[in-house]
Amino acid sequence: MAIKGQTFQQYSEEFKLKAVDMYINGEGSYNTLSTHLGLRSSTQLKNWVKKFEEGKKLSDQRENSGRPKTKFQSVEEERDYYKAQVEYLKKQYPNLHGQVKSERQ
């Protein structure tokens, strides 16, 4: 599990392919090659080999994950977008912004 503030090492696709080729050619075990190449864990190499054998790309997929970012042309457009979100939430949850009538009146 990641720790707050922890940084991660990113490896190029060429480096990953080199490591996978070394393993497939029998130049060492996962542990030996991981130590030789300076990887933090042999699990990284295992995952790269598995992806390679499944025909998947070894490139970093993190930039494609998550919710797409909304781009605005102007500050006014951004303001209107957020106002519309607030109005939507007010309609969905009317008791959260104080417009529910009190039963004690």
N, C-alpha and C. Protein backbone atom coordinates (compact mmCIF):
# COMPACT_ATOMS: atom_id res chain seq x y z
N MET A 1 0.84 -1.17 0.00
CA MET A 1 0.00 0.00 0.00
C MET A 1 0.88 1.24 0.00
N ALA A 2 0.46 2.24 -0.73
CA ALA A 2 1.24 3.46 -0.84
C ALA A 2 1.12 4.29 0.44
N ILE A 3 2.19 4.93 0.77
CA ILE A 3 2.24 5.80 1.93
C ILE A 3 2.17 7.24 1.43
N LYS A 4 1.47 8.10 2.17
CA LYS A 4 1.32 9.49 1.76
C LYS A 4 2.69 10.12 1.56
N GLY A 5 2.88 10.75 0.42
CA GLY A 5 4.14 11.40 0.11
C GLY A 5 5.16 10.49 -0.55
N GLN A 6 4.84 9.22 -0.70
CA GLN A 6 5.77 8.27 -1.29
C GLN A 6 5.88 8.53 -2.79
N THR A 7 7.08 8.45 -3.31
CA THR A 7 7.28 8.61 -4.75
C THR A 7 7.53 7.24 -5.37
N PHE A 8 7.18 7.13 -6.63
CA PHE A 8 7.32 5.86 -7.32
C PHE A 8 8.30 6.00 -8.48
N GLN A 9 9.06 4.96 -8.69
CA GLN A 9 10.00 4.92 -9.80
C GLN A 9 9.24 4.54 -11.06
N GLN A 10 9.48 5.25 -12.15
CA GLN A 10 8.87 4.91 -13.42
C GLN A 10 9.95 4.40 -14.35
N TYR A 11 9.66 3.33 -15.05
CA TYR A 11 10.62 2.70 -15.94
C TYR A 11 10.13 2.81 -17.37
N SER A 12 11.07 3.01 -18.29
CA SER A 12 10.71 3.12 -19.70
C SER A 12 10.30 1.74 -20.24
N GLU A 13 9.59 1.76 -21.34
CA GLU A 13 9.16 0.50 -21.94
C GLU A 13 10.37 -0.31 -22.42
N GLU A 14 11.41 0.38 -22.87
CA GLU A 14 12.63 -0.31 -23.31
C GLU A 14 13.29 -1.05 -22.15
N PHE A 15 13.34 -0.41 -20.97
CA PHE A 15 13.92 -1.03 -19.79
C PHE A 15 13.13 -2.28 -19.41
N LYS A 16 11.80 -2.14 -19.44
CA LYS A 16 10.94 -3.27 -19.08
C LYS A 16 11.13 -4.43 -20.06
N LEU A 17 11.19 -4.12 -21.36
CA LEU A 17 11.41 -5.17 -22.36
C LEU A 17 12.76 -5.85 -22.17
N LYS A 18 13.78 -5.07 -21.85
CA LYS A 18 15.11 -5.63 -21.60
C LYS A 18 15.05 -6.60 -20.42
N ALA A 19 14.38 -6.21 -19.35
CA ALA A 19 14.26 -7.05 -18.16
C ALA A 19 13.49 -8.33 -18.48
N VAL A 20 12.41 -8.21 -19.23
CA VAL A 20 11.61 -9.39 -19.60
C VAL A 20 12.44 -10.33 -20.48
N ASP A 21 13.17 -9.76 -21.44
CA ASP A 21 14.03 -10.59 -22.31
C ASP A 21 15.09 -11.32 -21.50
N MET A 22 15.67 -10.65 -20.52
CA MET A 22 16.68 -11.29 -19.69
C MET A 22 16.08 -12.48 -18.95
N TYR A 23 14.86 -12.33 -18.44
CA TYR A 23 14.21 -13.42 -17.72
C TYR A 23 13.86 -14.57 -18.67
N ILE A 24 13.28 -14.24 -19.80
CA ILE A 24 12.86 -15.27 -20.76
C ILE A 24 14.07 -16.03 -21.31
N ASN A 25 15.21 -15.36 -21.49
CA ASN A 25 16.42 -16.01 -22.00
C ASN A 25 17.16 -16.79 -20.92
N GLY A 26 16.62 -16.82 -19.71
CA GLY A 26 17.21 -17.63 -18.65
C GLY A 26 18.44 -17.04 -18.00
N GLU A 27 18.56 -15.72 -18.01
CA GLU A 27 19.74 -15.08 -17.44
C GLU A 27 19.66 -14.95 -15.92
N GLY A 28 18.55 -15.39 -15.34
CA GLY A 28 18.43 -15.35 -13.89
C GLY A 28 16.99 -15.51 -13.46
N SER A 29 16.83 -15.62 -12.14
CA SER A 29 15.48 -15.74 -11.57
C SER A 29 14.89 -14.34 -11.40
N TYR A 30 13.63 -14.31 -10.99
CA TYR A 30 12.99 -13.02 -10.72
C TYR A 30 13.79 -12.24 -9.69
N ASN A 31 14.15 -12.90 -8.60
CA ASN A 31 14.87 -12.22 -7.52
C ASN A 31 16.24 -11.75 -7.96
N THR A 32 16.98 -12.59 -8.66
CA THR A 32 18.33 -12.25 -9.11
C THR A 32 18.30 -11.06 -10.06
N LEU A 33 17.42 -11.13 -11.05
CA LEU A 33 17.34 -10.05 -12.03
C LEU A 33 16.84 -8.75 -11.40
N SER A 34 15.89 -8.85 -10.48
CA SER A 34 15.37 -7.66 -9.82
C SER A 34 16.47 -6.94 -9.04
N THR A 35 17.28 -7.71 -8.35
CA THR A 35 18.40 -7.14 -7.60
C THR A 35 19.41 -6.52 -8.56
N HIS A 36 19.74 -7.25 -9.63
CA HIS A 36 20.72 -6.79 -10.62
C HIS A 36 20.26 -5.50 -11.30
N LEU A 37 18.97 -5.39 -11.59
CA LEU A 37 18.44 -4.22 -12.31
C LEU A 37 18.04 -3.08 -11.38
N GLY A 38 18.06 -3.33 -10.07
CA GLY A 38 17.75 -2.27 -9.11
C GLY A 38 16.26 -2.06 -8.90
N LEU A 39 15.46 -3.10 -9.12
CA LEU A 39 14.03 -3.00 -8.87
C LEU A 39 13.77 -3.14 -7.39
N ARG A 40 12.73 -2.50 -6.89
CA ARG A 40 12.40 -2.59 -5.47
C ARG A 40 11.85 -3.96 -5.10
N SER A 41 11.19 -4.61 -6.06
CA SER A 41 10.55 -5.88 -5.77
C SER A 41 10.58 -6.78 -7.01
N SER A 42 10.70 -8.07 -6.78
CA SER A 42 10.66 -9.00 -7.90
C SER A 42 9.26 -9.10 -8.49
N THR A 43 8.27 -8.65 -7.73
CA THR A 43 6.89 -8.67 -8.21
C THR A 43 6.73 -7.79 -9.44
N GLN A 44 7.47 -6.69 -9.51
CA GLN A 44 7.41 -5.83 -10.69
C GLN A 44 7.79 -6.62 -11.93
N LEU A 45 8.88 -7.33 -11.85
CA LEU A 45 9.35 -8.11 -12.99
C LEU A 45 8.35 -9.22 -13.33
N LYS A 46 7.79 -9.86 -12.33
CA LYS A 46 6.78 -10.90 -12.57
C LYS A 46 5.59 -10.32 -13.33
N ASN A 47 5.14 -9.14 -12.91
CA ASN A 47 4.01 -8.50 -13.59
C ASN A 47 4.34 -8.14 -15.03
N TRP A 48 5.56 -7.65 -15.27
CA TRP A 48 5.96 -7.31 -16.64
C TRP A 48 6.00 -8.56 -17.52
N VAL A 49 6.54 -9.65 -16.99
CA VAL A 49 6.60 -10.90 -17.75
C VAL A 49 5.19 -11.40 -18.06
N LYS A 50 4.32 -11.33 -17.07
CA LYS A 50 2.94 -11.77 -17.27
C LYS A 50 2.25 -10.94 -18.35
N LYS A 51 2.41 -9.62 -18.30
CA LYS A 51 1.82 -8.75 -19.32
C LYS A 51 2.38 -9.08 -20.69
N PHE A 52 3.69 -9.27 -20.76
CA PHE A 52 4.35 -9.57 -22.03
C PHE A 52 3.80 -10.87 -22.62
N GLU A 53 3.66 -11.88 -21.78
CA GLU A 53 3.16 -13.17 -22.25
C GLU A 53 1.70 -13.11 -22.68
N GLU A 54 0.93 -12.17 -22.09
CA GLU A 54 -0.47 -11.99 -22.46
C GLU A 54 -0.63 -11.08 -23.68
N GLY A 55 0.48 -10.53 -24.16
CA GLY A 55 0.45 -9.67 -25.33
C GLY A 55 0.04 -8.23 -25.04
N LYS A 56 0.09 -7.84 -23.78
CA LYS A 56 -0.29 -6.47 -23.40
C LYS A 56 0.92 -5.55 -23.46
N LYS A 57 0.66 -4.25 -23.57
CA LYS A 57 1.73 -3.26 -23.59
C LYS A 57 2.35 -3.14 -22.20
N LEU A 58 3.63 -2.88 -22.17
CA LEU A 58 4.33 -2.70 -20.90
C LEU A 58 4.40 -1.24 -20.49
N SER A 59 3.92 -0.35 -21.33
CA SER A 59 3.99 1.07 -21.02
C SER A 59 3.10 1.40 -19.83
N ASP A 60 3.39 2.53 -19.21
CA ASP A 60 2.66 2.96 -18.02
C ASP A 60 1.24 3.34 -18.40
N GLN A 61 0.25 2.77 -17.73
CA GLN A 61 -1.15 3.02 -18.05
C GLN A 61 -1.79 4.05 -17.13
N ARG A 62 -1.05 4.60 -16.18
CA ARG A 62 -1.65 5.48 -15.19
C ARG A 62 -2.22 6.76 -15.78
N GLU A 63 -1.61 7.30 -16.85
CA GLU A 63 -2.12 8.55 -17.38
C GLU A 63 -3.50 8.38 -18.02
N ASN A 64 -3.92 7.17 -18.32
CA ASN A 64 -5.22 6.93 -18.93
C ASN A 64 -6.28 6.54 -17.92
N SER A 65 -5.93 6.45 -16.66
CA SER A 65 -6.89 5.99 -15.67
C SER A 65 -7.58 7.18 -15.01
N GLY A 66 -8.70 6.90 -14.38
CA GLY A 66 -9.40 7.94 -13.65
C GLY A 66 -10.43 8.66 -14.49
N ARG A 67 -11.07 9.59 -13.85
CA ARG A 67 -12.12 10.37 -14.50
C ARG A 67 -11.50 11.38 -15.46
N PRO A 68 -12.11 11.56 -16.64
CA PRO A 68 -11.56 12.55 -17.58
C PRO A 68 -11.66 13.96 -16.99
N LYS A 69 -10.66 14.76 -17.22
CA LYS A 69 -10.63 16.12 -16.70
C LYS A 69 -11.49 17.02 -17.58
N THR A 70 -12.25 17.90 -16.95
CA THR A 70 -13.09 18.84 -17.67
C THR A 70 -12.27 20.07 -18.01
N LYS A 71 -12.30 20.48 -19.27
CA LYS A 71 -11.56 21.66 -19.73
C LYS A 71 -12.56 22.79 -19.96
N PHE A 72 -12.21 23.97 -19.52
CA PHE A 72 -13.08 25.13 -19.67
C PHE A 72 -12.40 26.16 -20.55
N GLN A 73 -13.21 26.85 -21.35
CA GLN A 73 -12.68 27.89 -22.24
C GLN A 73 -12.51 29.22 -21.52
N SER A 74 -13.29 29.42 -20.46
CA SER A 74 -13.21 30.69 -19.73
C SER A 74 -13.58 30.45 -18.27
N VAL A 75 -13.30 31.47 -17.46
CA VAL A 75 -13.64 31.41 -16.04
C VAL A 75 -15.15 31.38 -15.87
N GLU A 76 -15.85 32.12 -16.72
CA GLU A 76 -17.30 32.16 -16.65
C GLU A 76 -17.91 30.80 -16.94
N GLU A 77 -17.37 30.12 -17.92
CA GLU A 77 -17.86 28.77 -18.25
C GLU A 77 -17.65 27.82 -17.08
N GLU A 78 -16.50 27.91 -16.43
CA GLU A 78 -16.23 27.07 -15.27
C GLU A 78 -17.19 27.39 -14.13
N ARG A 79 -17.42 28.70 -13.89
CA ARG A 79 -18.35 29.12 -12.85
C ARG A 79 -19.75 28.56 -13.10
N ASP A 80 -20.22 28.66 -14.34
CA ASP A 80 -21.55 28.16 -14.68
C ASP A 80 -21.64 26.64 -14.50
N TYR A 81 -20.57 25.95 -14.82
CA TYR A 81 -20.53 24.50 -14.66
C TYR A 81 -20.71 24.13 -13.19
N TYR A 82 -19.97 24.80 -12.31
CA TYR A 82 -20.06 24.49 -10.89
C TYR A 82 -21.39 24.94 -10.29
N LYS A 83 -21.93 26.03 -10.77
CA LYS A 83 -23.26 26.46 -10.30
C LYS A 83 -24.30 25.41 -10.65
N ALA A 84 -24.22 24.87 -11.86
CA ALA A 84 -25.17 23.84 -12.28
C ALA A 84 -25.03 22.59 -11.41
N GLN A 85 -23.81 22.24 -11.05
CA GLN A 85 -23.60 21.09 -10.16
C GLN A 85 -24.23 21.33 -8.80
N VAL A 86 -24.07 22.52 -8.26
CA VAL A 86 -24.64 22.85 -6.95
C VAL A 86 -26.17 22.79 -7.01
N GLU A 87 -26.75 23.34 -8.06
CA GLU A 87 -28.21 23.32 -8.20
C GLU A 87 -28.72 21.88 -8.32
N TYR A 88 -28.01 21.05 -9.04
CA TYR A 88 -28.39 19.65 -9.17
C TYR A 88 -28.39 18.97 -7.80
N LEU A 89 -27.35 19.20 -7.03
CA LEU A 89 -27.26 18.58 -5.71
C LEU A 89 -28.32 19.11 -4.76
N LYS A 90 -28.67 20.37 -4.88
CA LYS A 90 -29.73 20.93 -4.05
C LYS A 90 -31.06 20.23 -4.34
N LYS A 91 -31.31 19.93 -5.60
CA LYS A 91 -32.55 19.24 -5.96
C LYS A 91 -32.53 17.79 -5.48
N GLN A 92 -31.38 17.15 -5.55
CA GLN A 92 -31.26 15.75 -5.13
C GLN A 92 -31.36 15.60 -3.62
N TYR A 93 -30.80 16.55 -2.88
CA TYR A 93 -30.74 16.46 -1.42
C TYR A 93 -31.25 17.77 -0.80
N PRO A 94 -32.54 18.00 -0.83
CA PRO A 94 -33.06 19.29 -0.36
C PRO A 94 -32.84 19.55 1.13
N ASN A 95 -32.77 18.52 1.94
CA ASN A 95 -32.61 18.74 3.39
C ASN A 95 -31.18 19.12 3.78
N LEU A 96 -30.25 19.08 2.87
CA LEU A 96 -28.86 19.42 3.21
C LEU A 96 -28.60 20.92 3.19
N HIS A 97 -29.48 21.71 2.62
CA HIS A 97 -29.21 23.14 2.56
C HIS A 97 -30.28 23.96 3.26
N GLY A 98 -31.04 23.34 4.17
CA GLY A 98 -31.89 24.08 5.07
C GLY A 98 -33.26 24.46 4.54
N GLN A 99 -33.74 23.87 3.48
CA GLN A 99 -35.04 24.24 2.95
C GLN A 99 -36.15 23.27 3.34
N VAL A 100 -35.87 22.35 4.24
CA VAL A 100 -36.89 21.44 4.73
C VAL A 100 -37.67 22.13 5.85
N LYS A 101 -38.98 22.06 5.79
CA LYS A 101 -39.81 22.72 6.81
C LYS A 101 -39.71 21.95 8.12
N SER A 102 -39.63 22.68 9.16
CA SER A 102 -39.55 22.07 10.48
C SER A 102 -40.93 21.53 10.88
N GLU A 103 -40.97 20.38 11.53
CA GLU A 103 -42.22 19.77 11.95
C GLU A 103 -42.78 20.42 13.21
N ARG A 104 -42.01 21.21 13.91
CA ARG A 104 -42.42 21.80 15.20
C ARG A 104 -43.12 23.15 15.01
N GLN A 105 -43.31 23.64 13.84
CA GLN A 105 -43.92 24.96 13.65
C GLN A 105 -45.38 24.95 13.97
